[in-house]
Amino acid sequence: MASVIYLLCAATAAACAVLLLRSYRKTRVKLLLWSGLCFGGMVVNNVLLVVDRVVLPEQDLRTWRLVAALLALMPLLYGLVAEDE
């Protein structure tokens, strides 16, 4: 059951990323771009979670997952701090 939830989280993050980036393409609001990139990174994080917990349970990919989460949050942090619209 946990693997289904992990995959649903990845699918939800992917849907959010697609919707945000598609909306950015139409409106050119920078915050949508940064949010879309953040959710794109969260997709990578969730896929790594599936690989860590389901595919390779004997391996510990926690460090890679944390790095992916940090890299995913950096565009949104940049967008919130540096952009002044």
N, C-alpha and C. Protein backbone atom coordinates (compact mmCIF):
# COMPACT_ATOMS: atom_id res chain seq x y z
N MET A 1 0.82 -1.19 0.00
CA MET A 1 0.00 0.00 0.00
C MET A 1 0.87 1.27 0.00
N ALA A 2 2.00 1.19 0.68
CA ALA A 2 2.87 2.36 0.75
C ALA A 2 3.41 2.74 -0.63
N SER A 3 3.71 1.73 -1.45
CA SER A 3 4.24 2.03 -2.78
C SER A 3 3.21 2.75 -3.64
N VAL A 4 1.94 2.42 -3.47
CA VAL A 4 0.88 3.11 -4.20
C VAL A 4 0.81 4.57 -3.78
N ILE A 5 0.93 4.82 -2.51
CA ILE A 5 0.89 6.19 -2.00
C ILE A 5 2.09 6.98 -2.51
N TYR A 6 3.28 6.37 -2.51
CA TYR A 6 4.47 7.04 -3.03
C TYR A 6 4.29 7.41 -4.50
N LEU A 7 3.74 6.48 -5.28
CA LEU A 7 3.52 6.76 -6.70
C LEU A 7 2.46 7.83 -6.92
N LEU A 8 1.43 7.82 -6.08
CA LEU A 8 0.41 8.87 -6.18
C LEU A 8 0.99 10.24 -5.83
N CYS A 9 1.88 10.29 -4.87
CA CYS A 9 2.55 11.55 -4.54
C CYS A 9 3.39 12.05 -5.71
N ALA A 10 4.09 11.13 -6.37
CA ALA A 10 4.89 11.52 -7.54
C ALA A 10 3.99 12.01 -8.67
N ALA A 11 2.88 11.32 -8.88
CA ALA A 11 1.96 11.73 -9.94
C ALA A 11 1.32 13.09 -9.64
N THR A 12 0.99 13.33 -8.39
CA THR A 12 0.41 14.61 -7.99
C THR A 12 1.42 15.74 -8.18
N ALA A 13 2.65 15.51 -7.79
CA ALA A 13 3.69 16.53 -7.97
C ALA A 13 3.92 16.79 -9.46
N ALA A 14 3.88 15.74 -10.28
CA ALA A 14 4.06 15.92 -11.72
C ALA A 14 2.90 16.72 -12.32
N ALA A 15 1.69 16.43 -11.87
CA ALA A 15 0.53 17.18 -12.36
C ALA A 15 0.63 18.65 -11.96
N CYS A 16 1.04 18.91 -10.73
CA CYS A 16 1.21 20.30 -10.29
C CYS A 16 2.28 21.01 -11.11
N ALA A 17 3.39 20.33 -11.37
CA ALA A 17 4.47 20.93 -12.16
C ALA A 17 3.99 21.27 -13.56
N VAL A 18 3.28 20.36 -14.19
CA VAL A 18 2.79 20.59 -15.55
C VAL A 18 1.80 21.75 -15.57
N LEU A 19 0.88 21.77 -14.63
CA LEU A 19 -0.12 22.84 -14.60
C LEU A 19 0.52 24.20 -14.33
N LEU A 20 1.47 24.24 -13.41
CA LEU A 20 2.13 25.51 -13.09
C LEU A 20 2.96 26.01 -14.27
N LEU A 21 3.70 25.12 -14.91
CA LEU A 21 4.53 25.55 -16.04
C LEU A 21 3.68 25.93 -17.25
N ARG A 22 2.58 25.24 -17.43
CA ARG A 22 1.67 25.60 -18.52
C ARG A 22 1.04 26.97 -18.28
N SER A 23 0.69 27.23 -17.04
CA SER A 23 0.14 28.54 -16.70
C SER A 23 1.19 29.63 -16.84
N TYR A 24 2.45 29.31 -16.49
CA TYR A 24 3.52 30.29 -16.68
C TYR A 24 3.70 30.63 -18.14
N ARG A 25 3.61 29.62 -19.00
CA ARG A 25 3.77 29.86 -20.43
C ARG A 25 2.72 30.83 -20.97
N LYS A 26 1.54 30.80 -20.39
CA LYS A 26 0.47 31.69 -20.86
C LYS A 26 0.57 33.08 -20.25
N THR A 27 0.93 33.18 -18.97
CA THR A 27 0.85 34.47 -18.28
C THR A 27 2.20 35.14 -18.05
N ARG A 28 3.29 34.37 -18.09
CA ARG A 28 4.65 34.88 -17.85
C ARG A 28 4.82 35.48 -16.45
N VAL A 29 4.10 34.95 -15.47
CA VAL A 29 4.28 35.34 -14.08
C VAL A 29 5.41 34.49 -13.51
N LYS A 30 6.48 35.14 -13.07
CA LYS A 30 7.70 34.43 -12.68
C LYS A 30 7.49 33.46 -11.52
N LEU A 31 6.61 33.79 -10.59
CA LEU A 31 6.40 32.91 -9.44
C LEU A 31 5.86 31.54 -9.89
N LEU A 32 5.08 31.52 -10.96
CA LEU A 32 4.60 30.25 -11.50
C LEU A 32 5.75 29.41 -12.04
N LEU A 33 6.74 30.06 -12.64
CA LEU A 33 7.91 29.35 -13.14
C LEU A 33 8.68 28.71 -11.99
N TRP A 34 8.96 29.51 -10.97
CA TRP A 34 9.74 28.99 -9.84
C TRP A 34 8.98 27.88 -9.12
N SER A 35 7.68 28.03 -8.98
CA SER A 35 6.88 26.98 -8.34
C SER A 35 6.84 25.72 -9.18
N GLY A 36 6.72 25.89 -10.49
CA GLY A 36 6.72 24.72 -11.38
C GLY A 36 8.03 23.97 -11.35
N LEU A 37 9.13 24.71 -11.30
CA LEU A 37 10.44 24.06 -11.21
C LEU A 37 10.60 23.34 -9.87
N CYS A 38 10.06 23.93 -8.83
CA CYS A 38 10.10 23.30 -7.51
C CYS A 38 9.34 21.97 -7.52
N PHE A 39 8.16 21.98 -8.08
CA PHE A 39 7.38 20.75 -8.13
C PHE A 39 8.01 19.73 -9.07
N GLY A 40 8.68 20.19 -10.12
CA GLY A 40 9.43 19.26 -10.97
C GLY A 40 10.53 18.56 -10.18
N GLY A 41 11.21 19.30 -9.33
CA GLY A 41 12.21 18.69 -8.46
C GLY A 41 11.60 17.74 -7.45
N MET A 42 10.40 18.07 -6.99
CA MET A 42 9.73 17.17 -6.05
C MET A 42 9.33 15.85 -6.71
N VAL A 43 9.08 15.89 -8.02
CA VAL A 43 8.83 14.64 -8.75
C VAL A 43 10.07 13.75 -8.66
N VAL A 44 11.24 14.35 -8.89
CA VAL A 44 12.49 13.58 -8.79
C VAL A 44 12.64 13.03 -7.37
N ASN A 45 12.34 13.85 -6.38
CA ASN A 45 12.44 13.41 -5.00
C ASN A 45 11.50 12.23 -4.73
N ASN A 46 10.27 12.29 -5.23
CA ASN A 46 9.32 11.21 -5.00
C ASN A 46 9.70 9.94 -5.75
N VAL A 47 10.26 10.10 -6.93
CA VAL A 47 10.73 8.91 -7.67
C VAL A 47 11.89 8.26 -6.92
N LEU A 48 12.79 9.08 -6.39
CA LEU A 48 13.86 8.52 -5.57
C LEU A 48 13.32 7.82 -4.33
N LEU A 49 12.25 8.33 -3.77
CA LEU A 49 11.61 7.68 -2.62
C LEU A 49 11.08 6.30 -3.01
N VAL A 50 10.45 6.20 -4.16
CA VAL A 50 9.95 4.90 -4.64
C VAL A 50 11.11 3.94 -4.84
N VAL A 51 12.18 4.43 -5.47
CA VAL A 51 13.34 3.57 -5.69
C VAL A 51 13.94 3.14 -4.36
N ASP A 52 14.03 4.07 -3.42
CA ASP A 52 14.63 3.78 -2.12
C ASP A 52 13.81 2.77 -1.33
N ARG A 53 12.52 2.95 -1.27
CA ARG A 53 11.68 2.13 -0.40
C ARG A 53 11.15 0.86 -1.05
N VAL A 54 10.93 0.89 -2.38
CA VAL A 54 10.26 -0.24 -3.03
C VAL A 54 11.23 -1.05 -3.88
N VAL A 55 11.98 -0.38 -4.75
CA VAL A 55 12.83 -1.09 -5.70
C VAL A 55 14.10 -1.61 -5.03
N LEU A 56 14.76 -0.75 -4.27
CA LEU A 56 16.02 -1.12 -3.61
C LEU A 56 15.91 -0.92 -2.10
N PRO A 57 15.13 -1.73 -1.40
CA PRO A 57 14.96 -1.49 0.04
C PRO A 57 16.24 -1.74 0.85
N GLU A 58 17.17 -2.52 0.30
CA GLU A 58 18.41 -2.79 1.05
C GLU A 58 19.41 -1.64 0.95
N GLN A 59 19.21 -0.74 -0.01
CA GLN A 59 20.07 0.43 -0.17
C GLN A 59 19.50 1.61 0.62
N ASP A 60 20.38 2.48 1.07
CA ASP A 60 19.93 3.69 1.76
C ASP A 60 20.18 4.90 0.86
N LEU A 61 19.12 5.41 0.25
CA LEU A 61 19.22 6.56 -0.65
C LEU A 61 18.76 7.85 0.02
N ARG A 62 18.75 7.86 1.33
CA ARG A 62 18.25 9.03 2.06
C ARG A 62 19.03 10.30 1.72
N THR A 63 20.35 10.17 1.61
CA THR A 63 21.16 11.35 1.29
C THR A 63 20.79 11.90 -0.07
N TRP A 64 20.63 11.02 -1.06
CA TRP A 64 20.25 11.47 -2.40
C TRP A 64 18.87 12.11 -2.42
N ARG A 65 17.96 11.54 -1.62
CA ARG A 65 16.62 12.13 -1.55
C ARG A 65 16.65 13.51 -0.91
N LEU A 66 17.46 13.67 0.11
CA LEU A 66 17.56 14.98 0.77
C LEU A 66 18.22 16.01 -0.15
N VAL A 67 19.21 15.59 -0.91
CA VAL A 67 19.84 16.50 -1.87
C VAL A 67 18.84 16.90 -2.95
N ALA A 68 18.05 15.94 -3.42
CA ALA A 68 17.04 16.24 -4.43
C ALA A 68 15.99 17.21 -3.88
N ALA A 69 15.59 17.02 -2.64
CA ALA A 69 14.61 17.93 -2.03
C ALA A 69 15.19 19.33 -1.87
N LEU A 70 16.45 19.41 -1.47
CA LEU A 70 17.09 20.72 -1.34
C LEU A 70 17.18 21.42 -2.69
N LEU A 71 17.60 20.69 -3.72
CA LEU A 71 17.69 21.29 -5.05
C LEU A 71 16.32 21.66 -5.60
N ALA A 72 15.29 20.92 -5.20
CA ALA A 72 13.94 21.24 -5.65
C ALA A 72 13.44 22.53 -5.02
N LEU A 73 13.80 22.78 -3.79
CA LEU A 73 13.32 23.97 -3.10
C LEU A 73 14.09 25.24 -3.46
N MET A 74 15.28 25.09 -3.99
CA MET A 74 16.10 26.26 -4.29
C MET A 74 15.48 27.21 -5.32
N PRO A 75 14.88 26.73 -6.42
CA PRO A 75 14.26 27.70 -7.34
C PRO A 75 13.11 28.49 -6.71
N LEU A 76 12.32 27.82 -5.89
CA LEU A 76 11.21 28.52 -5.24
C LEU A 76 11.74 29.53 -4.24
N LEU A 77 12.76 29.17 -3.49
CA LEU A 77 13.38 30.11 -2.55
C LEU A 77 13.95 31.30 -3.28
N TYR A 78 14.62 31.06 -4.39
CA TYR A 78 15.16 32.16 -5.20
C TYR A 78 14.02 33.05 -5.69
N GLY A 79 12.96 32.44 -6.19
CA GLY A 79 11.84 33.22 -6.69
C GLY A 79 11.17 34.06 -5.63
N LEU A 80 11.09 33.55 -4.42
CA LEU A 80 10.45 34.29 -3.34
C LEU A 80 11.34 35.42 -2.80
N VAL A 81 12.66 35.20 -2.81
CA VAL A 81 13.56 36.19 -2.23
C VAL A 81 14.04 37.21 -3.26
N ALA A 82 14.49 36.75 -4.40
CA ALA A 82 15.16 37.63 -5.35
C ALA A 82 14.21 38.38 -6.29
N GLU A 83 13.12 37.78 -6.63
CA GLU A 83 12.18 38.44 -7.54
C GLU A 83 11.39 39.48 -6.79
N ASP A 84 11.26 40.66 -7.37
CA ASP A 84 10.51 41.73 -6.73
C ASP A 84 9.48 42.30 -7.68
N GLU A 85 8.38 41.58 -7.79
CA GLU A 85 7.29 42.05 -8.65
C GLU A 85 6.13 42.55 -7.83
